[in-house]
Amino acid sequence: MFDFSFAIDYNEKSMKTIVLIGMPSSGKSSAGKKLAKELGLAFLDGDDLIRAFTGESLAATIARIGAEGFLKIEEEVLCGLSAKGAVIATGGSAVYSEKAMAHLKSLGKIVYLKIAEEEAERRIPDFSARGVVMRGNIATLRELYAERVPLYEKFADATVDCTGKSVSSVVSELIKL
C-alpha cells in the first residue's frame, strides 16, 4: 500500500488542500506548481508519485500492465495521500476511480481545469507518447474527451475554463476561488 502523509500545520491557511483535475494538457501541473508557490503550499503531482511508485514512465507502466492495471495503481497512490496544505495535480484518469475521487474530496476542494477539445489536440498532438490511459474501445482524443468531461464535471466543486489562457491567468482565477 502506498502511503504518503504530508501536513504543514503552522497556520490555518496552509491546511487547505486544492485538487486539480482535467484532461491531459489542461495545465494541472503547470498551474498547480505556480498556485502552490503563490499560496505557500506544497505541490504534489499524481503522475510523479505514480512514476516514483512504479519506477518507470507512465507510458511504460501502461504498456506493461495495461490500462486497468495502471488505474489500480493510480487509485492506490491517490488513496494513500493524506495531504494537508497542498495543491495536488492528479493525472487525467483519476476520475475513473470513485474511491480515489471520494478520498481526494475529503482532503479539500476539487477544481476542474477545463479546456476545449481543440486546445487539447493542439497542446498534445501525439497522445500515445504521453502515457494517457485509453480504456476499452477509446482510440481517439475526441472519444477520450467525450468519456472524461462528464466525469470531471461530476466530481468538480468548481471549474476554471483554461482555453486560450496563460498559466498566470489561470492561477489568478484559482486564487479568486
C-alpha atoms as a PDB file:
ATOM      1  CA  MET A   1       0.000   0.000   0.000  1.00  0.00           C
ATOM      2  CA  PHE A   2       1.263   3.417  -0.944  1.00  0.00           C
ATOM      3  CA  ASP A   3       1.224   5.837   1.977  1.00  0.00           C
ATOM      4  CA  PHE A   4       2.139   9.452   1.517  1.00  0.00           C
ATOM      5  CA  SER A   5       1.271  11.573   4.522  1.00  0.00           C
ATOM      6  CA  PHE A   6       2.096  15.229   4.339  1.00  0.00           C
ATOM      7  CA  ALA A   7       0.985  18.117   6.506  1.00  0.00           C
ATOM      8  CA  ILE A   8       2.112  21.616   7.221  1.00  0.00           C
ATOM      9  CA  ASP A   9       0.285  22.896  10.251  1.00  0.00           C
ATOM     10  CA  TYR A  10       1.809  26.243  11.077  1.00  0.00           C
ATOM     11  CA  ASN A  11      -1.307  28.209  10.141  1.00  0.00           C
ATOM     12  CA  GLU A  12      -4.906  27.704   9.103  1.00  0.00           C
ATOM     13  CA  LYS A  13      -4.295  28.841   5.510  1.00  0.00           C
ATOM     14  CA  SER A  14      -1.840  26.023   4.939  1.00  0.00           C
ATOM     15  CA  MET A  15      -4.365  23.371   5.966  1.00  0.00           C
ATOM     16  CA  LYS A  16      -6.381  23.904   2.784  1.00  0.00           C
ATOM     17  CA  THR A  17      -5.839  21.396   0.014  1.00  0.00           C
ATOM     18  CA  ILE A  18      -6.738  22.052  -3.603  1.00  0.00           C
ATOM     19  CA  VAL A  19      -7.076  19.130  -6.013  1.00  0.00           C
ATOM     20  CA  LEU A  20      -6.813  19.833  -9.737  1.00  0.00           C
ATOM     21  CA  ILE A  21      -8.477  17.531 -12.268  1.00  0.00           C
ATOM     22  CA  GLY A  22      -8.810  17.766 -16.033  1.00  0.00           C
ATOM     23  CA  MET A  23      -7.764  16.452 -19.408  1.00  0.00           C
ATOM     24  CA  PRO A  24      -4.115  15.752 -20.142  1.00  0.00           C
ATOM     25  CA  SER A  25      -2.517  19.067 -21.174  1.00  0.00           C
ATOM     26  CA  SER A  26      -5.095  21.180 -19.330  1.00  0.00           C
ATOM     27  CA  GLY A  27      -2.339  22.710 -17.187  1.00  0.00           C
ATOM     28  CA  LYS A  28      -2.849  20.855 -13.905  1.00  0.00           C
ATOM     29  CA  SER A  29       0.873  20.542 -13.205  1.00  0.00           C
ATOM     30  CA  SER A  30       1.931  23.940 -14.562  1.00  0.00           C
ATOM     31  CA  ALA A  31      -0.849  25.867 -12.845  1.00  0.00           C
ATOM     32  CA  GLY A  32      -0.603  23.669  -9.758  1.00  0.00           C
ATOM     33  CA  LYS A  33       3.084  24.431  -9.192  1.00  0.00           C
ATOM     34  CA  LYS A  34       2.540  28.161  -9.621  1.00  0.00           C
ATOM     35  CA  LEU A  35      -0.592  28.142  -7.440  1.00  0.00           C
ATOM     36  CA  ALA A  36       1.201  26.267  -4.663  1.00  0.00           C
ATOM     37  CA  LYS A  37       4.060  28.752  -4.765  1.00  0.00           C
ATOM     38  CA  GLU A  38       1.685  31.747  -4.693  1.00  0.00           C
ATOM     39  CA  LEU A  39      -0.260  30.337  -1.736  1.00  0.00           C
ATOM     40  CA  GLY A  40       2.756  28.982   0.142  1.00  0.00           C
ATOM     41  CA  LEU A  41       1.501  25.411  -0.106  1.00  0.00           C
ATOM     42  CA  ALA A  42       3.215  22.158  -1.018  1.00  0.00           C
ATOM     43  CA  PHE A  43       2.764  20.780  -4.534  1.00  0.00           C
ATOM     44  CA  LEU A  44       2.132  17.105  -5.274  1.00  0.00           C
ATOM     45  CA  ASP A  45       1.882  15.723  -8.792  1.00  0.00           C
ATOM     46  CA  GLY A  46      -0.063  12.463  -9.037  1.00  0.00           C
ATOM     47  CA  ASP A  47       1.787  11.397 -12.172  1.00  0.00           C
ATOM     48  CA  ASP A  48       5.152  11.979 -10.478  1.00  0.00           C
ATOM     49  CA  LEU A  49       4.013   9.907  -7.493  1.00  0.00           C
ATOM     50  CA  ILE A  50       2.970   7.061  -9.808  1.00  0.00           C
ATOM     51  CA  ARG A  51       6.343   7.220 -11.592  1.00  0.00           C
ATOM     52  CA  ALA A  52       8.101   7.060  -8.211  1.00  0.00           C
ATOM     53  CA  PHE A  53       5.890   4.144  -7.142  1.00  0.00           C
ATOM     54  CA  THR A  54       6.460   2.111 -10.332  1.00  0.00           C
ATOM     55  CA  GLY A  55       9.991   3.238 -11.162  1.00  0.00           C
ATOM     56  CA  GLU A  56       9.112   3.789 -14.816  1.00  0.00           C
ATOM     57  CA  SER A  57       7.335   6.219 -17.123  1.00  0.00           C
ATOM     58  CA  LEU A  58       3.555   6.275 -17.280  1.00  0.00           C
ATOM     59  CA  ALA A  59       3.647   5.026 -20.880  1.00  0.00           C
ATOM     60  CA  ALA A  60       5.904   2.115 -19.864  1.00  0.00           C
ATOM     61  CA  THR A  61       3.599   1.175 -16.980  1.00  0.00           C
ATOM     62  CA  ILE A  62       0.520   1.257 -19.217  1.00  0.00           C
ATOM     63  CA  ALA A  63       2.325  -0.827 -21.860  1.00  0.00           C
ATOM     64  CA  ARG A  64       3.468  -3.344 -19.232  1.00  0.00           C
ATOM     65  CA  ILE A  65       0.244  -3.846 -17.234  1.00  0.00           C
ATOM     66  CA  GLY A  66      -2.482  -2.301 -19.383  1.00  0.00           C
ATOM     67  CA  ALA A  67      -4.960   0.482 -18.685  1.00  0.00           C
ATOM     68  CA  GLU A  68      -6.860  -1.332 -15.939  1.00  0.00           C
ATOM     69  CA  GLY A  69      -3.651  -2.286 -14.118  1.00  0.00           C
ATOM     70  CA  PHE A  70      -2.465   1.307 -14.326  1.00  0.00           C
ATOM     71  CA  LEU A  71      -5.793   2.572 -12.958  1.00  0.00           C
ATOM     72  CA  LYS A  72      -5.459   0.265  -9.944  1.00  0.00           C
ATOM     73  CA  ILE A  73      -2.018   1.690  -9.181  1.00  0.00           C
ATOM     74  CA  GLU A  74      -3.287   5.238  -9.656  1.00  0.00           C
ATOM     75  CA  GLU A  75      -6.163   4.580  -7.255  1.00  0.00           C
ATOM     76  CA  GLU A  76      -3.809   3.122  -4.657  1.00  0.00           C
ATOM     77  CA  VAL A  77      -1.420   6.062  -4.921  1.00  0.00           C
ATOM     78  CA  LEU A  78      -4.185   8.690  -4.696  1.00  0.00           C
ATOM     79  CA  CYS A  79      -5.964   6.939  -1.828  1.00  0.00           C
ATOM     80  CA  GLY A  80      -2.629   6.808   0.003  1.00  0.00           C
ATOM     81  CA  LEU A  81      -2.365  10.597   0.106  1.00  0.00           C
ATOM     82  CA  SER A  82      -3.187  12.387   3.323  1.00  0.00           C
ATOM     83  CA  ALA A  83      -2.019  15.830   2.331  1.00  0.00           C
ATOM     84  CA  LYS A  84      -2.996  18.965   4.170  1.00  0.00           C
ATOM     85  CA  GLY A  85      -1.754  22.305   2.978  1.00  0.00           C
ATOM     86  CA  ALA A  86      -1.084  21.212  -0.582  1.00  0.00           C
ATOM     87  CA  VAL A  87      -2.042  21.577  -4.198  1.00  0.00           C
ATOM     88  CA  ILE A  88      -2.489  18.160  -5.799  1.00  0.00           C
ATOM     89  CA  ALA A  89      -2.407  17.785  -9.584  1.00  0.00           C
ATOM     90  CA  THR A  90      -3.971  14.454 -10.466  1.00  0.00           C
ATOM     91  CA  GLY A  91      -3.454  12.509 -13.640  1.00  0.00           C
ATOM     92  CA  GLY A  92      -6.263  12.957 -16.162  1.00  0.00           C
ATOM     93  CA  SER A  93      -7.533   9.435 -15.500  1.00  0.00           C
ATOM     94  CA  ALA A  94      -8.019   9.895 -11.733  1.00  0.00           C
ATOM     95  CA  VAL A  95     -11.747  10.424 -12.304  1.00  0.00           C
ATOM     96  CA  TYR A  96     -12.184   6.780 -13.319  1.00  0.00           C
ATOM     97  CA  SER A  97     -11.957   5.851  -9.629  1.00  0.00           C
ATOM     98  CA  GLU A  98     -14.939   6.766  -7.447  1.00  0.00           C
ATOM     99  CA  LYS A  99     -12.911   5.672  -4.421  1.00  0.00           C
ATOM    100  CA  ALA A 100      -9.948   7.931  -5.243  1.00  0.00           C
ATOM    101  CA  MET A 101     -12.175  10.899  -6.015  1.00  0.00           C
ATOM    102  CA  ALA A 102     -14.109  10.479  -2.744  1.00  0.00           C
ATOM    103  CA  HIS A 103     -10.795  10.376  -0.884  1.00  0.00           C
ATOM    104  CA  LEU A 104      -9.470  13.461  -2.679  1.00  0.00           C
ATOM    105  CA  LYS A 105     -12.724  15.310  -1.978  1.00  0.00           C
ATOM    106  CA  SER A 106     -12.233  14.516   1.723  1.00  0.00           C
ATOM    107  CA  LEU A 107      -8.863  16.303   1.542  1.00  0.00           C
ATOM    108  CA  GLY A 108     -10.106  19.555   0.019  1.00  0.00           C
ATOM    109  CA  LYS A 109     -11.705  21.357  -2.876  1.00  0.00           C
ATOM    110  CA  ILE A 110     -11.669  19.755  -6.334  1.00  0.00           C
ATOM    111  CA  VAL A 111     -11.234  22.142  -9.247  1.00  0.00           C
ATOM    112  CA  TYR A 112     -11.732  21.083 -12.858  1.00  0.00           C
ATOM    113  CA  LEU A 113      -9.349  22.798 -15.268  1.00  0.00           C
ATOM    114  CA  LYS A 114     -11.430  22.764 -18.429  1.00  0.00           C
ATOM    115  CA  ILE A 115     -10.009  23.104 -21.929  1.00  0.00           C
ATOM    116  CA  ALA A 116     -11.698  22.837 -25.294  1.00  0.00           C
ATOM    117  CA  GLU A 117     -11.135  19.635 -27.225  1.00  0.00           C
ATOM    118  CA  GLU A 118      -9.383  21.557 -29.994  1.00  0.00           C
ATOM    119  CA  GLU A 119      -6.989  23.084 -27.454  1.00  0.00           C
ATOM    120  CA  ALA A 120      -6.105  19.634 -26.093  1.00  0.00           C
ATOM    121  CA  GLU A 121      -5.387  18.448 -29.640  1.00  0.00           C
ATOM    122  CA  ARG A 122      -3.180  21.477 -30.277  1.00  0.00           C
ATOM    123  CA  ARG A 123      -1.253  21.111 -27.000  1.00  0.00           C
ATOM    124  CA  ILE A 124      -0.531  17.401 -27.401  1.00  0.00           C
ATOM    125  CA  PRO A 125      -0.784  16.180 -30.975  1.00  0.00           C
ATOM    126  CA  ASP A 126       0.581  12.693 -30.078  1.00  0.00           C
ATOM    127  CA  PHE A 127      -1.139  11.252 -27.013  1.00  0.00           C
ATOM    128  CA  SER A 128       0.489   7.834 -27.477  1.00  0.00           C
ATOM    129  CA  ALA A 129       3.869   9.082 -26.245  1.00  0.00           C
ATOM    130  CA  ARG A 130       2.333  10.867 -23.257  1.00  0.00           C
ATOM    131  CA  GLY A 131       1.152   7.843 -21.272  1.00  0.00           C
ATOM    132  CA  VAL A 132      -2.574   8.541 -21.467  1.00  0.00           C
ATOM    133  CA  VAL A 133      -4.969   5.819 -20.292  1.00  0.00           C
ATOM    134  CA  MET A 134      -7.314   4.811 -23.105  1.00  0.00           C
ATOM    135  CA  ARG A 135      -9.881   2.324 -21.783  1.00  0.00           C
ATOM    136  CA  GLY A 136     -11.938  -0.156 -23.755  1.00  0.00           C
ATOM    137  CA  ASN A 137     -12.669   0.924 -27.303  1.00  0.00           C
ATOM    138  CA  ILE A 138     -11.464   4.510 -26.827  1.00  0.00           C
ATOM    139  CA  ALA A 139      -8.986   5.224 -29.621  1.00  0.00           C
ATOM    140  CA  THR A 140      -9.126   8.959 -30.325  1.00  0.00           C
ATOM    141  CA  LEU A 141      -8.833  12.155 -28.349  1.00  0.00           C
ATOM    142  CA  ARG A 142     -12.422  13.006 -29.319  1.00  0.00           C
ATOM    143  CA  GLU A 143     -13.676   9.754 -27.745  1.00  0.00           C
ATOM    144  CA  LEU A 144     -11.494  10.249 -24.670  1.00  0.00           C
ATOM    145  CA  TYR A 145     -12.753  13.820 -24.251  1.00  0.00           C
ATOM    146  CA  ALA A 146     -16.399  12.711 -24.576  1.00  0.00           C
ATOM    147  CA  GLU A 147     -15.870   9.991 -21.968  1.00  0.00           C
ATOM    148  CA  ARG A 148     -13.989  12.071 -19.410  1.00  0.00           C
ATOM    149  CA  VAL A 149     -15.617  15.517 -19.455  1.00  0.00           C
ATOM    150  CA  PRO A 150     -18.829  14.307 -17.730  1.00  0.00           C
ATOM    151  CA  LEU A 151     -16.666  12.711 -15.020  1.00  0.00           C
ATOM    152  CA  TYR A 152     -14.684  15.915 -14.448  1.00  0.00           C
ATOM    153  CA  GLU A 153     -17.938  17.846 -14.185  1.00  0.00           C
ATOM    154  CA  LYS A 154     -19.392  15.262 -11.794  1.00  0.00           C
ATOM    155  CA  PHE A 155     -16.540  15.461  -9.293  1.00  0.00           C
ATOM    156  CA  ALA A 156     -15.678  19.177  -9.503  1.00  0.00           C
ATOM    157  CA  ASP A 157     -16.533  21.623  -6.753  1.00  0.00           C
ATOM    158  CA  ALA A 158     -15.555  24.434  -9.136  1.00  0.00           C
ATOM    159  CA  THR A 159     -14.484  24.816 -12.775  1.00  0.00           C
ATOM    160  CA  VAL A 160     -11.944  27.144 -14.352  1.00  0.00           C
ATOM    161  CA  ASP A 161     -12.004  27.430 -18.150  1.00  0.00           C
ATOM    162  CA  CYS A 162      -8.350  27.409 -19.249  1.00  0.00           C
ATOM    163  CA  THR A 163      -8.905  27.541 -23.006  1.00  0.00           C
ATOM    164  CA  GLY A 164      -6.618  30.144 -24.532  1.00  0.00           C
ATOM    165  CA  LYS A 165      -5.431  31.415 -21.141  1.00  0.00           C
ATOM    166  CA  SER A 166      -1.924  31.741 -19.779  1.00  0.00           C
ATOM    167  CA  VAL A 167      -0.831  29.847 -16.679  1.00  0.00           C
ATOM    168  CA  SER A 168      -0.709  33.147 -14.751  1.00  0.00           C
ATOM    169  CA  SER A 169      -4.281  33.964 -15.756  1.00  0.00           C
ATOM    170  CA  VAL A 170      -5.492  30.513 -14.677  1.00  0.00           C
ATOM    171  CA  VAL A 171      -3.669  30.823 -11.350  1.00  0.00           C
ATOM    172  CA  SER A 172      -5.271  34.230 -10.747  1.00  0.00           C
ATOM    173  CA  GLU A 173      -8.696  32.662 -11.275  1.00  0.00           C
ATOM    174  CA  LEU A 174      -7.834  29.764  -8.957  1.00  0.00           C
ATOM    175  CA  ILE A 175      -6.751  32.177  -6.229  1.00  0.00           C
ATOM    176  CA  LYS A 176     -10.072  34.050  -6.540  1.00  0.00           C
ATOM    177  CA  LEU A 177     -11.885  30.770  -5.874  1.00  0.00           C
END
